[in-house]
Amino acid sequence: YSIEAWIWPGVEKTPWFGVEIDEGTKQWHH
């Protein structure tokens, strides 16, 4: 399966499906 979503991290290195997102806070990411 696939899960597609847009996320806007509010803090640095917050996990998304167990992976720390370090792509820029307070910005939208696909």
PDB file of all heavy atoms in Angstrom:
ATOM      1  N   TYR A   1       0.839  -1.201   0.000  1.00  0.00           N
ATOM      2  CA  TYR A   1       0.000   0.000   0.000  1.00  0.00           C
ATOM      3  C   TYR A   1       0.873   1.251   0.000  1.00  0.00           C
ATOM      4  O   TYR A   1       2.097   1.176   0.167  1.00  0.00           O
ATOM      5  CB  TYR A   1      -0.939   0.005   1.208  1.00  0.00           C
ATOM      6  CG  TYR A   1      -0.235   0.022   2.550  1.00  0.00           C
ATOM      7  CD1 TYR A   1       0.096   1.219   3.179  1.00  0.00           C
ATOM      8  CD2 TYR A   1       0.088  -1.175   3.195  1.00  0.00           C
ATOM      9  CE1 TYR A   1       0.734   1.230   4.411  1.00  0.00           C
ATOM     10  CE2 TYR A   1       0.731  -1.166   4.421  1.00  0.00           C
ATOM     11  CZ  TYR A   1       1.052   0.037   5.022  1.00  0.00           C
ATOM     12  OH  TYR A   1       1.695   0.047   6.231  1.00  0.00           O
ATOM     13  N   SER A   2       0.239   2.402  -0.158  1.00  0.00           N
ATOM     14  CA  SER A   2       0.919   3.699  -0.099  1.00  0.00           C
ATOM     15  C   SER A   2       0.081   4.661   0.734  1.00  0.00           C
ATOM     16  O   SER A   2      -1.150   4.605   0.688  1.00  0.00           O
ATOM     17  CB  SER A   2       1.120   4.293  -1.500  1.00  0.00           C
ATOM     18  OG  SER A   2       1.869   3.439  -2.324  1.00  0.00           O
ATOM     19  N   ILE A   3       0.754   5.529   1.467  1.00  0.00           N
ATOM     20  CA  ILE A   3       0.089   6.613   2.198  1.00  0.00           C
ATOM     21  C   ILE A   3       0.766   7.921   1.787  1.00  0.00           C
ATOM     22  O   ILE A   3       1.950   8.139   2.052  1.00  0.00           O
ATOM     23  CB  ILE A   3       0.175   6.429   3.722  1.00  0.00           C
ATOM     24  CG1 ILE A   3      -0.492   5.112   4.138  1.00  0.00           C
ATOM     25  CG2 ILE A   3      -0.477   7.607   4.439  1.00  0.00           C
ATOM     26  CD1 ILE A   3      -0.384   4.803   5.610  1.00  0.00           C
ATOM     27  N   GLU A   4      -0.005   8.769   1.130  1.00  0.00           N
ATOM     28  CA  GLU A   4       0.489  10.051   0.641  1.00  0.00           C
ATOM     29  C   GLU A   4      -0.065  11.157   1.531  1.00  0.00           C
ATOM     30  O   GLU A   4      -1.234  11.122   1.916  1.00  0.00           O
ATOM     31  CB  GLU A   4       0.018  10.250  -0.798  1.00  0.00           C
ATOM     32  CG  GLU A   4       0.506  11.506  -1.477  1.00  0.00           C
ATOM     33  CD  GLU A   4      -0.010  11.618  -2.908  1.00  0.00           C
ATOM     34  OE1 GLU A   4      -1.086  11.053  -3.205  1.00  0.00           O
ATOM     35  OE2 GLU A   4       0.657  12.271  -3.720  1.00  0.00           O
ATOM     36  N   ALA A   5       0.772  12.127   1.881  1.00  0.00           N
ATOM     37  CA  ALA A   5       0.303  13.211   2.757  1.00  0.00           C
ATOM     38  C   ALA A   5       1.230  14.408   2.632  1.00  0.00           C
ATOM     39  O   ALA A   5       2.393  14.293   2.241  1.00  0.00           O
ATOM     40  CB  ALA A   5       0.257  12.747   4.206  1.00  0.00           C
ATOM     41  N   TRP A   6       0.684  15.561   2.971  1.00  0.00           N
ATOM     42  CA  TRP A   6       1.482  16.783   3.122  1.00  0.00           C
ATOM     43  C   TRP A   6       1.648  17.032   4.618  1.00  0.00           C
ATOM     44  O   TRP A   6       0.677  16.917   5.387  1.00  0.00           O
ATOM     45  CB  TRP A   6       0.791  17.965   2.469  1.00  0.00           C
ATOM     46  CG  TRP A   6       0.855  17.952   0.976  1.00  0.00           C
ATOM     47  CD1 TRP A   6       0.000  17.318   0.123  1.00  0.00           C
ATOM     48  CD2 TRP A   6       1.834  18.596   0.154  1.00  0.00           C
ATOM     49  NE1 TRP A   6       0.383  17.526  -1.176  1.00  0.00           N
ATOM     50  CE2 TRP A   6       1.506  18.310  -1.193  1.00  0.00           C
ATOM     51  CE3 TRP A   6       2.954  19.390   0.415  1.00  0.00           C
ATOM     52  CZ2 TRP A   6       2.260  18.788  -2.267  1.00  0.00           C
ATOM     53  CZ3 TRP A   6       3.707  19.869  -0.653  1.00  0.00           C
ATOM     54  CH2 TRP A   6       3.355  19.564  -1.975  1.00  0.00           C
ATOM     55  N   ILE A   7       2.867  17.344   5.035  1.00  0.00           N
ATOM     56  CA  ILE A   7       3.128  17.611   6.447  1.00  0.00           C
ATOM     57  C   ILE A   7       3.851  18.941   6.604  1.00  0.00           C
ATOM     58  O   ILE A   7       4.576  19.387   5.708  1.00  0.00           O
ATOM     59  CB  ILE A   7       3.945  16.476   7.106  1.00  0.00           C
ATOM     60  CG1 ILE A   7       5.338  16.366   6.473  1.00  0.00           C
ATOM     61  CG2 ILE A   7       3.190  15.154   7.021  1.00  0.00           C
ATOM     62  CD1 ILE A   7       6.268  15.409   7.204  1.00  0.00           C
ATOM     63  N   TRP A   8       3.628  19.563   7.750  1.00  0.00           N
ATOM     64  CA  TRP A   8       4.210  20.871   8.105  1.00  0.00           C
ATOM     65  C   TRP A   8       4.831  20.702   9.479  1.00  0.00           C
ATOM     66  O   TRP A   8       4.149  20.881  10.489  1.00  0.00           O
ATOM     67  CB  TRP A   8       3.105  21.905   8.100  1.00  0.00           C
ATOM     68  CG  TRP A   8       3.441  23.351   8.311  1.00  0.00           C
ATOM     69  CD1 TRP A   8       3.681  24.282   7.355  1.00  0.00           C
ATOM     70  CD2 TRP A   8       3.485  24.061   9.565  1.00  0.00           C
ATOM     71  NE1 TRP A   8       3.876  25.517   7.917  1.00  0.00           N
ATOM     72  CE2 TRP A   8       3.764  25.420   9.273  1.00  0.00           C
ATOM     73  CE3 TRP A   8       3.317  23.687  10.898  1.00  0.00           C
ATOM     74  CZ2 TRP A   8       3.885  26.388  10.267  1.00  0.00           C
ATOM     75  CZ3 TRP A   8       3.443  24.651  11.894  1.00  0.00           C
ATOM     76  CH2 TRP A   8       3.722  25.984  11.575  1.00  0.00           C
ATOM     77  N   PRO A   9       6.110  20.280   9.567  1.00  0.00           N
ATOM     78  CA  PRO A   9       6.712  20.053  10.887  1.00  0.00           C
ATOM     79  C   PRO A   9       6.734  21.322  11.723  1.00  0.00           C
ATOM     80  O   PRO A   9       7.191  22.367  11.266  1.00  0.00           O
ATOM     81  CB  PRO A   9       8.137  19.578  10.542  1.00  0.00           C
ATOM     82  CG  PRO A   9       8.061  19.109   9.124  1.00  0.00           C
ATOM     83  CD  PRO A   9       7.043  19.990   8.471  1.00  0.00           C
ATOM     84  N   GLY A  10       6.242  21.214  12.938  1.00  0.00           N
ATOM     85  CA  GLY A  10       6.228  22.377  13.815  1.00  0.00           C
ATOM     86  C   GLY A  10       7.493  22.521  14.636  1.00  0.00           C
ATOM     87  O   GLY A  10       7.761  23.586  15.189  1.00  0.00           O
ATOM     88  N   VAL A  11       8.268  21.432  14.725  1.00  0.00           N
ATOM     89  CA  VAL A  11       9.533  21.447  15.468  1.00  0.00           C
ATOM     90  C   VAL A  11      10.570  20.696  14.639  1.00  0.00           C
ATOM     91  O   VAL A  11      10.243  19.972  13.699  1.00  0.00           O
ATOM     92  CB  VAL A  11       9.391  20.776  16.856  1.00  0.00           C
ATOM     93  CG1 VAL A  11       8.420  21.551  17.731  1.00  0.00           C
ATOM     94  CG2 VAL A  11       8.936  19.326  16.708  1.00  0.00           C
ATOM     95  N   GLU A  12      11.831  20.845  14.994  1.00  0.00           N
ATOM     96  CA  GLU A  12      12.896  20.186  14.261  1.00  0.00           C
ATOM     97  C   GLU A  12      12.923  18.689  14.550  1.00  0.00           C
ATOM     98  O   GLU A  12      12.638  18.244  15.672  1.00  0.00           O
ATOM     99  CB  GLU A  12      14.251  20.800  14.621  1.00  0.00           C
ATOM    100  CG  GLU A  12      14.413  22.248  14.174  1.00  0.00           C
ATOM    101  CD  GLU A  12      15.783  22.800  14.490  1.00  0.00           C
ATOM    102  OE1 GLU A  12      16.570  22.084  15.154  1.00  0.00           O
ATOM    103  OE2 GLU A  12      16.068  23.940  14.090  1.00  0.00           O
ATOM    104  N   LYS A  13      13.256  17.901  13.531  1.00  0.00           N
ATOM    105  CA  LYS A  13      13.480  16.461  13.644  1.00  0.00           C
ATOM    106  C   LYS A  13      12.321  15.727  14.298  1.00  0.00           C
ATOM    107  O   LYS A  13      12.500  14.875  15.161  1.00  0.00           O
ATOM    108  CB  LYS A  13      14.780  16.186  14.397  1.00  0.00           C
ATOM    109  CG  LYS A  13      16.016  16.708  13.669  1.00  0.00           C
ATOM    110  CD  LYS A  13      17.292  16.346  14.397  1.00  0.00           C
ATOM    111  CE  LYS A  13      18.507  16.843  13.631  1.00  0.00           C
ATOM    112  NZ  LYS A  13      19.784  16.500  14.306  1.00  0.00           N
ATOM    113  N   THR A  14      11.112  16.059  13.888  1.00  0.00           N
ATOM    114  CA  THR A  14       9.948  15.354  14.395  1.00  0.00           C
ATOM    115  C   THR A  14       9.731  14.106  13.540  1.00  0.00           C
ATOM    116  O   THR A  14       9.912  14.145  12.315  1.00  0.00           O
ATOM    117  CB  THR A  14       8.711  16.271  14.391  1.00  0.00           C
ATOM    118  OG1 THR A  14       7.614  15.585  14.994  1.00  0.00           O
ATOM    119  CG2 THR A  14       8.320  16.710  12.988  1.00  0.00           C
ATOM    120  N   PRO A  15       9.370  12.955  14.125  1.00  0.00           N
ATOM    121  CA  PRO A  15       9.288  11.714  13.350  1.00  0.00           C
ATOM    122  C   PRO A  15       7.995  11.591  12.548  1.00  0.00           C
ATOM    123  O   PRO A  15       6.916  11.931  13.028  1.00  0.00           O
ATOM    124  CB  PRO A  15       9.362  10.631  14.428  1.00  0.00           C
ATOM    125  CG  PRO A  15       8.785  11.279  15.650  1.00  0.00           C
ATOM    126  CD  PRO A  15       9.185  12.723  15.567  1.00  0.00           C
ATOM    127  N   TRP A  16       8.131  11.112  11.330  1.00  0.00           N
ATOM    128  CA  TRP A  16       6.988  10.802  10.467  1.00  0.00           C
ATOM    129  C   TRP A  16       7.171   9.362  10.015  1.00  0.00           C
ATOM    130  O   TRP A  16       8.123   9.049   9.318  1.00  0.00           O
ATOM    131  CB  TRP A  16       6.927  11.764   9.289  1.00  0.00           C
ATOM    132  CG  TRP A  16       5.733  11.588   8.392  1.00  0.00           C
ATOM    133  CD1 TRP A  16       5.735  11.143   7.092  1.00  0.00           C
ATOM    134  CD2 TRP A  16       4.366  11.856   8.715  1.00  0.00           C
ATOM    135  NE1 TRP A  16       4.457  11.116   6.586  1.00  0.00           N
ATOM    136  CE2 TRP A  16       3.597  11.557   7.569  1.00  0.00           C
ATOM    137  CE3 TRP A  16       3.723  12.322   9.860  1.00  0.00           C
ATOM    138  CZ2 TRP A  16       2.212  11.698   7.535  1.00  0.00           C
ATOM    139  CZ3 TRP A  16       2.353  12.471   9.822  1.00  0.00           C
ATOM    140  CH2 TRP A  16       1.607  12.168   8.682  1.00  0.00           C
ATOM    141  N   PHE A  17       6.295   8.487  10.461  1.00  0.00           N
ATOM    142  CA  PHE A  17       6.438   7.048  10.248  1.00  0.00           C
ATOM    143  C   PHE A  17       7.811   6.560  10.701  1.00  0.00           C
ATOM    144  O   PHE A  17       8.486   5.779  10.027  1.00  0.00           O
ATOM    145  CB  PHE A  17       6.183   6.675   8.785  1.00  0.00           C
ATOM    146  CG  PHE A  17       4.740   6.809   8.387  1.00  0.00           C
ATOM    147  CD1 PHE A  17       4.353   7.783   7.481  1.00  0.00           C
ATOM    148  CD2 PHE A  17       3.771   5.975   8.935  1.00  0.00           C
ATOM    149  CE1 PHE A  17       3.021   7.916   7.120  1.00  0.00           C
ATOM    150  CE2 PHE A  17       2.440   6.107   8.580  1.00  0.00           C
ATOM    151  CZ  PHE A  17       2.057   7.072   7.678  1.00  0.00           C
ATOM    152  N   GLY A  18       8.222   7.046  11.862  1.00  0.00           N
ATOM    153  CA  GLY A  18       9.454   6.584  12.486  1.00  0.00           C
ATOM    154  C   GLY A  18      10.726   7.189  11.939  1.00  0.00           C
ATOM    155  O   GLY A  18      11.819   6.845  12.397  1.00  0.00           O
ATOM    156  N   VAL A  19      10.633   8.100  10.994  1.00  0.00           N
ATOM    157  CA  VAL A  19      11.813   8.722  10.391  1.00  0.00           C
ATOM    158  C   VAL A  19      11.831  10.202  10.750  1.00  0.00           C
ATOM    159  O   VAL A  19      10.844  10.911  10.520  1.00  0.00           O
ATOM    160  CB  VAL A  19      11.799   8.558   8.858  1.00  0.00           C
ATOM    161  CG1 VAL A  19      13.026   9.230   8.242  1.00  0.00           C
ATOM    162  CG2 VAL A  19      11.737   7.087   8.476  1.00  0.00           C
ATOM    163  N   GLU A  20      12.938  10.678  11.308  1.00  0.00           N
ATOM    164  CA  GLU A  20      13.038  12.092  11.665  1.00  0.00           C
ATOM    165  C   GLU A  20      13.043  12.955  10.408  1.00  0.00           C
ATOM    166  O   GLU A  20      13.843  12.735   9.495  1.00  0.00           O
ATOM    167  CB  GLU A  20      14.305  12.352  12.477  1.00  0.00           C
ATOM    168  CG  GLU A  20      14.234  11.837  13.899  1.00  0.00           C
ATOM    169  CD  GLU A  20      15.420  12.296  14.724  1.00  0.00           C
ATOM    170  OE1 GLU A  20      16.378  12.852  14.151  1.00  0.00           O
ATOM    171  OE2 GLU A  20      15.384  12.094  15.959  1.00  0.00           O
ATOM    172  N   ILE A  21      12.130  13.915  10.374  1.00  0.00           N
ATOM    173  CA  ILE A  21      12.032  14.820   9.237  1.00  0.00           C
ATOM    174  C   ILE A  21      12.872  16.052   9.511  1.00  0.00           C
ATOM    175  O   ILE A  21      12.640  16.784  10.474  1.00  0.00           O
ATOM    176  CB  ILE A  21      10.554  15.218   8.981  1.00  0.00           C
ATOM    177  CG1 ILE A  21       9.710  13.965   8.747  1.00  0.00           C
ATOM    178  CG2 ILE A  21      10.450  16.169   7.805  1.00  0.00           C
ATOM    179  CD1 ILE A  21      10.135  13.129   7.554  1.00  0.00           C
ATOM    180  N   ASP A  22      13.871  16.262   8.670  1.00  0.00           N
ATOM    181  CA  ASP A  22      14.778  17.394   8.843  1.00  0.00           C
ATOM    182  C   ASP A  22      14.857  18.179   7.536  1.00  0.00           C
ATOM    183  O   ASP A  22      15.927  18.516   7.049  1.00  0.00           O
ATOM    184  CB  ASP A  22      16.163  16.880   9.253  1.00  0.00           C
ATOM    185  CG  ASP A  22      17.043  17.992   9.808  1.00  0.00           C
ATOM    186  OD1 ASP A  22      16.503  19.051  10.173  1.00  0.00           O
ATOM    187  OD2 ASP A  22      18.266  17.798   9.864  1.00  0.00           O
ATOM    188  N   GLU A  23      13.681  18.445   6.966  1.00  0.00           N
ATOM    189  CA  GLU A  23      13.603  19.096   5.661  1.00  0.00           C
ATOM    190  C   GLU A  23      13.241  20.577   5.767  1.00  0.00           C
ATOM    191  O   GLU A  23      12.991  21.227   4.761  1.00  0.00           O
ATOM    192  CB  GLU A  23      12.554  18.389   4.791  1.00  0.00           C
ATOM    193  CG  GLU A  23      12.811  16.915   4.580  1.00  0.00           C
ATOM    194  CD  GLU A  23      13.965  16.656   3.643  1.00  0.00           C
ATOM    195  OE1 GLU A  23      14.140  17.437   2.689  1.00  0.00           O
ATOM    196  OE2 GLU A  23      14.701  15.678   3.864  1.00  0.00           O
ATOM    197  N   GLY A  24      13.154  21.083   6.983  1.00  0.00           N
ATOM    198  CA  GLY A  24      12.760  22.487   7.175  1.00  0.00           C
ATOM    199  C   GLY A  24      11.453  22.576   7.931  1.00  0.00           C
ATOM    200  O   GLY A  24      10.439  22.034   7.497  1.00  0.00           O
ATOM    201  N   THR A  25      11.493  23.246   9.071  1.00  0.00           N
ATOM    202  CA  THR A  25      10.288  23.380   9.873  1.00  0.00           C
ATOM    203  C   THR A  25       9.390  24.491   9.338  1.00  0.00           C
ATOM    204  O   THR A  25       9.840  25.390   8.632  1.00  0.00           O
ATOM    205  CB  THR A  25      10.644  23.682  11.342  1.00  0.00           C
ATOM    206  OG1 THR A  25      11.386  24.902  11.393  1.00  0.00           O
ATOM    207  CG2 THR A  25      11.460  22.558  11.948  1.00  0.00           C
ATOM    208  N   LYS A  26       8.107  24.363   9.678  1.00  0.00           N
ATOM    209  CA  LYS A  26       7.090  25.362   9.338  1.00  0.00           C
ATOM    210  C   LYS A  26       7.046  25.629   7.836  1.00  0.00           C
ATOM    211  O   LYS A  26       6.864  26.761   7.386  1.00  0.00           O
ATOM    212  CB  LYS A  26       7.318  26.648  10.149  1.00  0.00           C
ATOM    213  CG  LYS A  26       7.223  26.374  11.651  1.00  0.00           C
ATOM    214  CD  LYS A  26       7.391  27.614  12.492  1.00  0.00           C
ATOM    215  CE  LYS A  26       7.281  27.254  13.981  1.00  0.00           C
ATOM    216  NZ  LYS A  26       7.461  28.413  14.863  1.00  0.00           N
ATOM    217  N   GLN A  27       7.226  24.551   7.089  1.00  0.00           N
ATOM    218  CA  GLN A  27       7.074  24.560   5.643  1.00  0.00           C
ATOM    219  C   GLN A  27       6.338  23.276   5.256  1.00  0.00           C
ATOM    220  O   GLN A  27       6.449  22.256   5.929  1.00  0.00           O
ATOM    221  CB  GLN A  27       8.431  24.580   4.937  1.00  0.00           C
ATOM    222  CG  GLN A  27       9.320  25.762   5.278  1.00  0.00           C
ATOM    223  CD  GLN A  27      10.689  25.607   4.644  1.00  0.00           C
ATOM    224  OE1 GLN A  27      10.829  25.152   3.516  1.00  0.00           O
ATOM    225  NE2 GLN A  27      11.730  25.988   5.382  1.00  0.00           N
ATOM    226  N   TRP A  28       5.607  23.334   4.143  1.00  0.00           N
ATOM    227  CA  TRP A  28       4.875  22.157   3.689  1.00  0.00           C
ATOM    228  C   TRP A  28       5.787  21.251   2.871  1.00  0.00           C
ATOM    229  O   TRP A  28       6.538  21.722   2.022  1.00  0.00           O
ATOM    230  CB  TRP A  28       3.657  22.568   2.864  1.00  0.00           C
ATOM    231  CG  TRP A  28       2.531  23.068   3.700  1.00  0.00           C
ATOM    232  CD1 TRP A  28       2.109  24.360   3.824  1.00  0.00           C
ATOM    233  CD2 TRP A  28       1.680  22.288   4.544  1.00  0.00           C
ATOM    234  NE1 TRP A  28       1.042  24.440   4.688  1.00  0.00           N
ATOM    235  CE2 TRP A  28       0.759  23.183   5.151  1.00  0.00           C
ATOM    236  CE3 TRP A  28       1.599  20.936   4.852  1.00  0.00           C
ATOM    237  CZ2 TRP A  28      -0.230  22.747   6.040  1.00  0.00           C
ATOM    238  CZ3 TRP A  28       0.622  20.501   5.745  1.00  0.00           C
ATOM    239  CH2 TRP A  28      -0.269  21.401   6.324  1.00  0.00           C
ATOM    240  N   HIS A  29       5.695  19.939   3.151  1.00  0.00           N
ATOM    241  CA  HIS A  29       6.474  18.941   2.445  1.00  0.00           C
ATOM    242  C   HIS A  29       5.557  17.798   2.006  1.00  0.00           C
ATOM    243  O   HIS A  29       4.710  17.343   2.779  1.00  0.00           O
ATOM    244  CB  HIS A  29       7.589  18.380   3.332  1.00  0.00           C
ATOM    245  CG  HIS A  29       8.520  19.427   3.868  1.00  0.00           C
ATOM    246  ND1 HIS A  29       9.472  20.024   3.080  1.00  0.00           N
ATOM    247  CD2 HIS A  29       8.624  19.981   5.109  1.00  0.00           C
ATOM    248  CE1 HIS A  29      10.151  20.907   3.818  1.00  0.00           C
ATOM    249  NE2 HIS A  29       9.647  20.898   5.046  1.00  0.00           N
ATOM    250  N   HIS A  30       5.759  17.337   0.792  1.00  0.00           N
ATOM    251  CA  HIS A  30       5.002  16.199   0.271  1.00  0.00           C
ATOM    252  C   HIS A  30       5.693  14.903   0.710  1.00  0.00           C
ATOM    253  O   HIS A  30       6.911  14.764   0.589  1.00  0.00           O
ATOM    254  CB  HIS A  30       4.943  16.264  -1.254  1.00  0.00           C
ATOM    255  CG  HIS A  30       4.208  15.121  -1.876  1.00  0.00           C
ATOM    256  ND1 HIS A  30       4.829  13.949  -2.258  1.00  0.00           N
ATOM    257  CD2 HIS A  30       2.893  14.962  -2.177  1.00  0.00           C
ATOM    258  CE1 HIS A  30       3.936  13.131  -2.779  1.00  0.00           C
ATOM    259  NE2 HIS A  30       2.757  13.722  -2.739  1.00  0.00           N
TER     260      HIS A  30
END
